[in-house]
Structure formats: C-alpha cells, structure tokens
C-alpha cells in the first residue's frame, strides 16, 4: 500500500504485450491488463519488435505528410494571394 491505496507492482519484463512506444520513447502500458510472465530474453525480443513497429508507424506518418507538403504549400500560396488582393482592393 502507498498513501492508503493499493498499488500493483511487477517487473517491467512482465508488462502486458499490448504496450506501445510513443514518439517520445516512452512505453505506454495499459495497467488494467494482466501481467504476462516472460523471461528477460523474451522481453528484449518483444521490446525490439515494438520499437520496430513504432519506427515503422513514424515512417508511414512522415511519408504521408511529406507527400502532402507540396499541395499544402500551393494552397497556402493561393490563399495568401487572394487575401493580399482583397487587402489591396480595400485600401
């Protein structure tokens, strides 16, 4: 117990397999999931699978964003031109 509250304590290697690594390199763990006992070697393998998945997600997100940049730039330039024309018209 800690501060009159029960806490759940277990080794990092035993976290549930549904954890994720976020872009800030932190592990997000669903604490309501049950513990999964595994060896340290199994945990290392799982961790590196999750790291690979995380980096792959980031690559996909970045690739998608990169493909949209030119269109976004064109739209912004057009909007800017229209806005500038309106401003000059109202002077």
C-alpha atoms as a PDB file:
ATOM      1  CA  UNK A   1       0.000   0.000   0.000  1.00  0.00           C
ATOM      2  CA  UNK A   2       1.065   3.530  -0.755  1.00  0.00           C
ATOM      3  CA  UNK A   3      -0.815   6.559   0.655  1.00  0.00           C
ATOM      4  CA  UNK A   4      -3.577   4.213   1.793  1.00  0.00           C
ATOM      5  CA  UNK A   5      -4.058   2.962  -1.758  1.00  0.00           C
ATOM      6  CA  UNK A   6      -3.232  -0.412  -3.177  1.00  0.00           C
ATOM      7  CA  UNK A   7      -0.610  -0.461  -5.874  1.00  0.00           C
ATOM      8  CA  UNK A   8       0.209  -3.065  -8.439  1.00  0.00           C
ATOM      9  CA  UNK A   9       3.902  -3.806  -8.652  1.00  0.00           C
ATOM     10  CA  UNK A  10       5.600  -6.042 -11.171  1.00  0.00           C
ATOM     11  CA  UNK A  11       8.746  -6.221 -13.245  1.00  0.00           C
ATOM     12  CA  UNK A  12       8.967  -4.297 -16.482  1.00  0.00           C
ATOM     13  CA  UNK A  13       9.689  -7.541 -18.315  1.00  0.00           C
ATOM     14  CA  UNK A  14       6.218  -8.775 -17.296  1.00  0.00           C
ATOM     15  CA  UNK A  15       4.090  -5.962 -18.710  1.00  0.00           C
ATOM     16  CA  UNK A  16       1.238  -6.930 -20.997  1.00  0.00           C
ATOM     17  CA  UNK A  17       2.208  -7.378 -24.647  1.00  0.00           C
ATOM     18  CA  UNK A  18      -0.161  -4.599 -25.775  1.00  0.00           C
ATOM     19  CA  UNK A  19       2.207  -1.842 -24.641  1.00  0.00           C
ATOM     20  CA  UNK A  20       3.355   0.742 -27.182  1.00  0.00           C
ATOM     21  CA  UNK A  21       6.310   3.034 -27.541  1.00  0.00           C
ATOM     22  CA  UNK A  22       5.332   6.630 -28.152  1.00  0.00           C
ATOM     23  CA  UNK A  23       7.356   9.151 -30.205  1.00  0.00           C
ATOM     24  CA  UNK A  24       8.985  10.457 -27.019  1.00  0.00           C
ATOM     25  CA  UNK A  25      10.469   6.997 -26.475  1.00  0.00           C
ATOM     26  CA  UNK A  26       8.229   6.215 -23.521  1.00  0.00           C
ATOM     27  CA  UNK A  27       6.360   2.978 -23.041  1.00  0.00           C
ATOM     28  CA  UNK A  28       2.595   3.238 -22.769  1.00  0.00           C
ATOM     29  CA  UNK A  29       1.213   0.390 -20.722  1.00  0.00           C
ATOM     30  CA  UNK A  30      -2.405  -0.473 -20.047  1.00  0.00           C
ATOM     31  CA  UNK A  31      -2.293  -1.101 -16.317  1.00  0.00           C
ATOM     32  CA  UNK A  32      -5.694  -2.761 -16.312  1.00  0.00           C
ATOM     33  CA  UNK A  33      -4.267  -5.669 -18.328  1.00  0.00           C
ATOM     34  CA  UNK A  34      -2.951  -8.702 -16.532  1.00  0.00           C
ATOM     35  CA  UNK A  35       0.731  -9.355 -16.079  1.00  0.00           C
ATOM     36  CA  UNK A  36       2.358 -11.713 -18.572  1.00  0.00           C
ATOM     37  CA  UNK A  37       5.292 -13.554 -17.120  1.00  0.00           C
ATOM     38  CA  UNK A  38       8.204 -13.945 -19.528  1.00  0.00           C
ATOM     39  CA  UNK A  39      11.946 -14.333 -19.477  1.00  0.00           C
ATOM     40  CA  UNK A  40      14.201 -11.324 -19.823  1.00  0.00           C
ATOM     41  CA  UNK A  41      15.282 -12.580 -23.230  1.00  0.00           C
ATOM     42  CA  UNK A  42      11.636 -12.825 -24.324  1.00  0.00           C
ATOM     43  CA  UNK A  43      11.066  -9.292 -23.104  1.00  0.00           C
ATOM     44  CA  UNK A  44      14.059  -7.983 -25.062  1.00  0.00           C
ATOM     45  CA  UNK A  45      12.681  -9.624 -28.206  1.00  0.00           C
ATOM     46  CA  UNK A  46       9.218  -8.182 -27.576  1.00  0.00           C
ATOM     47  CA  UNK A  47      10.623  -4.743 -26.838  1.00  0.00           C
ATOM     48  CA  UNK A  48      12.575  -4.654 -30.086  1.00  0.00           C
ATOM     49  CA  UNK A  49       9.527  -5.809 -32.034  1.00  0.00           C
ATOM     50  CA  UNK A  50       7.596  -2.915 -30.505  1.00  0.00           C
ATOM     51  CA  UNK A  51      10.418  -0.477 -31.281  1.00  0.00           C
ATOM     52  CA  UNK A  52      10.423  -1.645 -34.892  1.00  0.00           C
ATOM     53  CA  UNK A  53       6.625  -1.230 -35.106  1.00  0.00           C
ATOM     54  CA  UNK A  54       6.864   2.239 -33.634  1.00  0.00           C
ATOM     55  CA  UNK A  55       9.537   3.381 -36.060  1.00  0.00           C
ATOM     56  CA  UNK A  56       7.571   1.910 -38.957  1.00  0.00           C
ATOM     57  CA  UNK A  57       4.478   3.872 -37.874  1.00  0.00           C
ATOM     58  CA  UNK A  58       6.559   7.051 -37.726  1.00  0.00           C
ATOM     59  CA  UNK A  59       7.966   6.388 -41.209  1.00  0.00           C
ATOM     60  CA  UNK A  60       4.436   5.936 -42.589  1.00  0.00           C
ATOM     61  CA  UNK A  61       3.206   9.115 -40.894  1.00  0.00           C
ATOM     62  CA  UNK A  62       6.202  11.098 -42.171  1.00  0.00           C
ATOM     63  CA  UNK A  63       5.899   9.694 -45.690  1.00  0.00           C
ATOM     64  CA  UNK A  64       2.222  10.653 -45.837  1.00  0.00           C
ATOM     65  CA  UNK A  65       2.931  14.141 -44.536  1.00  0.00           C
ATOM     66  CA  UNK A  66       5.792  14.642 -46.990  1.00  0.00           C
ATOM     67  CA  UNK A  67       3.546  13.683 -49.885  1.00  0.00           C
ATOM     68  CA  UNK A  68       1.043  16.370 -48.822  1.00  0.00           C
ATOM     69  CA  UNK A  69       3.508  19.223 -48.329  1.00  0.00           C
ATOM     70  CA  UNK A  70       3.589  20.496 -51.908  1.00  0.00           C
ATOM     71  CA  UNK A  71      -0.206  20.668 -52.126  1.00  0.00           C
ATOM     72  CA  UNK A  72      -0.434  22.396 -48.755  1.00  0.00           C
ATOM     73  CA  UNK A  73       2.174  24.929 -49.834  1.00  0.00           C
ATOM     74  CA  UNK A  74       0.303  25.634 -53.087  1.00  0.00           C
ATOM     75  CA  UNK A  75      -2.990  26.067 -51.226  1.00  0.00           C
ATOM     76  CA  UNK A  76      -1.368  28.425 -48.747  1.00  0.00           C
ATOM     77  CA  UNK A  77       0.246  30.474 -51.511  1.00  0.00           C
ATOM     78  CA  UNK A  78      -3.095  30.752 -53.335  1.00  0.00           C
ATOM     79  CA  UNK A  79      -4.909  31.741 -50.152  1.00  0.00           C
ATOM     80  CA  UNK A  80      -2.249  34.313 -49.456  1.00  0.00           C
ATOM     81  CA  UNK A  81      -2.571  35.765 -52.946  1.00  0.00           C
ATOM     82  CA  UNK A  82      -6.368  36.028 -52.640  1.00  0.00           C
ATOM     83  CA  UNK A  83      -6.050  37.628 -49.239  1.00  0.00           C
ATOM     84  CA  UNK A  84      -3.457  40.092 -50.483  1.00  0.00           C
ATOM     85  CA  UNK A  85      -5.694  41.066 -53.423  1.00  0.00           C
ATOM     86  CA  UNK A  86      -8.593  41.717 -51.027  1.00  0.00           C
ATOM     87  CA  UNK A  87      -6.404  43.842 -48.793  1.00  0.00           C
ATOM     88  CA  UNK A  88      -5.099  45.912 -51.692  1.00  0.00           C
ATOM     89  CA  UNK A  89      -8.610  46.346 -53.055  1.00  0.00           C
ATOM     90  CA  UNK A  90      -9.817  47.768 -49.748  1.00  0.00           C
ATOM     91  CA  UNK A  91      -7.059  50.360 -49.428  1.00  0.00           C
END
